[in-house]
Amino acid sequence: MANTRTEEFKFSGDKLIGKVKELLHEGNIRRLIIKNEEGNTLIDIPLTVGIFGTLVAPQLAALGAIAALVSKGTLVVEKDEEVSAE
């Protein structure tokens, strides 16, 4: 059984892609949301198991474009968290 947990990371534009790649390598990511300094959602990327190779590459390019336009913002990460059945 899995629960969903949300984490938020502040970023500067030049660090966004590196942070996203780091999080993807950790695994269990369900969704990435990029917000600007005012808290407005710029992009919401749902990620499902098995689609990383085909969908992540083009969406990383979109994140690169957003990073060039946004100097500071928030990266919201939704993760699956395994819950032990006790």
Protein backbone atom coordinates (compact mmCIF):
# COMPACT_ATOMS: atom_id res chain seq x y z
CA MET A 1 0.00 0.00 0.00
CA ALA A 2 1.35 3.47 -0.84
CA ASN A 3 0.67 6.93 0.54
CA THR A 4 1.48 10.15 -1.27
CA ARG A 5 3.77 12.71 0.32
CA THR A 6 4.53 16.22 -0.95
CA GLU A 7 7.87 18.02 -0.68
CA GLU A 8 8.68 21.57 -1.73
CA PHE A 9 12.07 22.88 -2.82
CA LYS A 10 12.99 26.50 -3.51
CA PHE A 11 15.12 26.92 -6.63
CA SER A 12 16.89 29.49 -8.71
CA GLY A 13 16.46 29.11 -12.48
CA ASP A 14 19.91 27.70 -13.14
CA LYS A 15 19.50 24.91 -10.57
CA LEU A 16 16.06 23.61 -11.63
CA ILE A 17 17.12 20.95 -14.17
CA GLY A 18 19.80 19.52 -11.87
CA LYS A 19 17.34 19.22 -8.99
CA VAL A 20 14.70 17.54 -11.18
CA LYS A 21 17.23 15.01 -12.50
CA GLU A 22 18.39 14.30 -8.94
CA LEU A 23 14.81 13.68 -7.80
CA LEU A 24 14.03 11.44 -10.78
CA HIS A 25 17.04 9.25 -9.94
CA GLU A 26 15.70 8.84 -6.39
CA GLY A 27 12.48 7.37 -7.82
CA ASN A 28 8.90 7.17 -6.53
CA ILE A 29 7.98 10.52 -8.13
CA ARG A 30 4.31 10.83 -9.11
CA ARG A 31 4.14 14.48 -10.12
CA LEU A 32 6.33 17.57 -10.51
CA ILE A 33 4.84 21.05 -10.21
CA ILE A 34 6.82 24.21 -10.96
CA LYS A 35 5.56 27.44 -9.40
CA ASN A 36 6.85 30.97 -9.82
CA GLU A 37 7.69 33.34 -6.94
CA GLU A 38 4.04 34.40 -6.64
CA GLY A 39 2.93 30.78 -6.23
CA ASN A 40 1.30 30.47 -9.66
CA THR A 41 1.66 27.04 -11.29
CA LEU A 42 3.75 27.21 -14.47
CA ILE A 43 3.83 23.51 -15.33
CA ASP A 44 2.35 20.37 -13.79
CA ILE A 45 3.95 17.12 -14.98
CA PRO A 46 2.32 13.85 -13.93
CA LEU A 47 4.81 10.97 -14.03
CA THR A 48 3.76 7.36 -14.14
CA VAL A 49 5.93 4.31 -13.78
CA GLY A 50 7.28 3.14 -17.13
CA ILE A 51 7.03 6.41 -19.06
CA PHE A 52 10.28 8.00 -17.93
CA GLY A 53 12.23 7.33 -21.13
CA THR A 54 9.63 8.62 -23.57
CA LEU A 55 8.11 11.55 -21.70
CA VAL A 56 10.79 12.91 -19.44
CA ALA A 57 13.26 13.99 -22.14
CA PRO A 58 10.88 16.42 -23.92
CA GLN A 59 9.54 17.68 -20.62
CA LEU A 60 13.07 18.33 -19.36
CA ALA A 61 13.49 20.56 -22.41
CA ALA A 62 10.32 22.43 -21.38
CA LEU A 63 11.73 22.74 -17.85
CA GLY A 64 14.90 24.22 -19.34
CA ALA A 65 12.84 26.90 -21.06
CA ILE A 66 10.97 27.65 -17.83
CA ALA A 67 14.25 27.79 -15.89
CA ALA A 68 15.51 30.41 -18.35
CA LEU A 69 12.43 32.56 -17.71
CA VAL A 70 12.03 32.12 -13.95
CA SER A 71 14.77 33.41 -11.68
CA LYS A 72 13.28 31.91 -8.50
CA GLY A 73 10.44 29.57 -7.73
CA THR A 74 9.23 26.45 -6.00
CA LEU A 75 9.45 22.85 -7.14
CA VAL A 76 6.64 20.75 -5.63
CA VAL A 77 7.25 17.00 -5.74
CA GLU A 78 4.60 14.37 -5.09
CA LYS A 79 6.15 11.04 -4.06
CA ASP A 80 4.79 7.58 -3.38
CA GLU A 81 5.71 6.42 0.08
CA GLU A 82 5.47 2.73 0.83
CA VAL A 83 3.50 1.90 3.96
CA SER A 84 4.19 -1.38 5.68
CA ALA A 85 1.18 -3.61 6.26
CA GLU A 86 1.42 -4.19 10.00
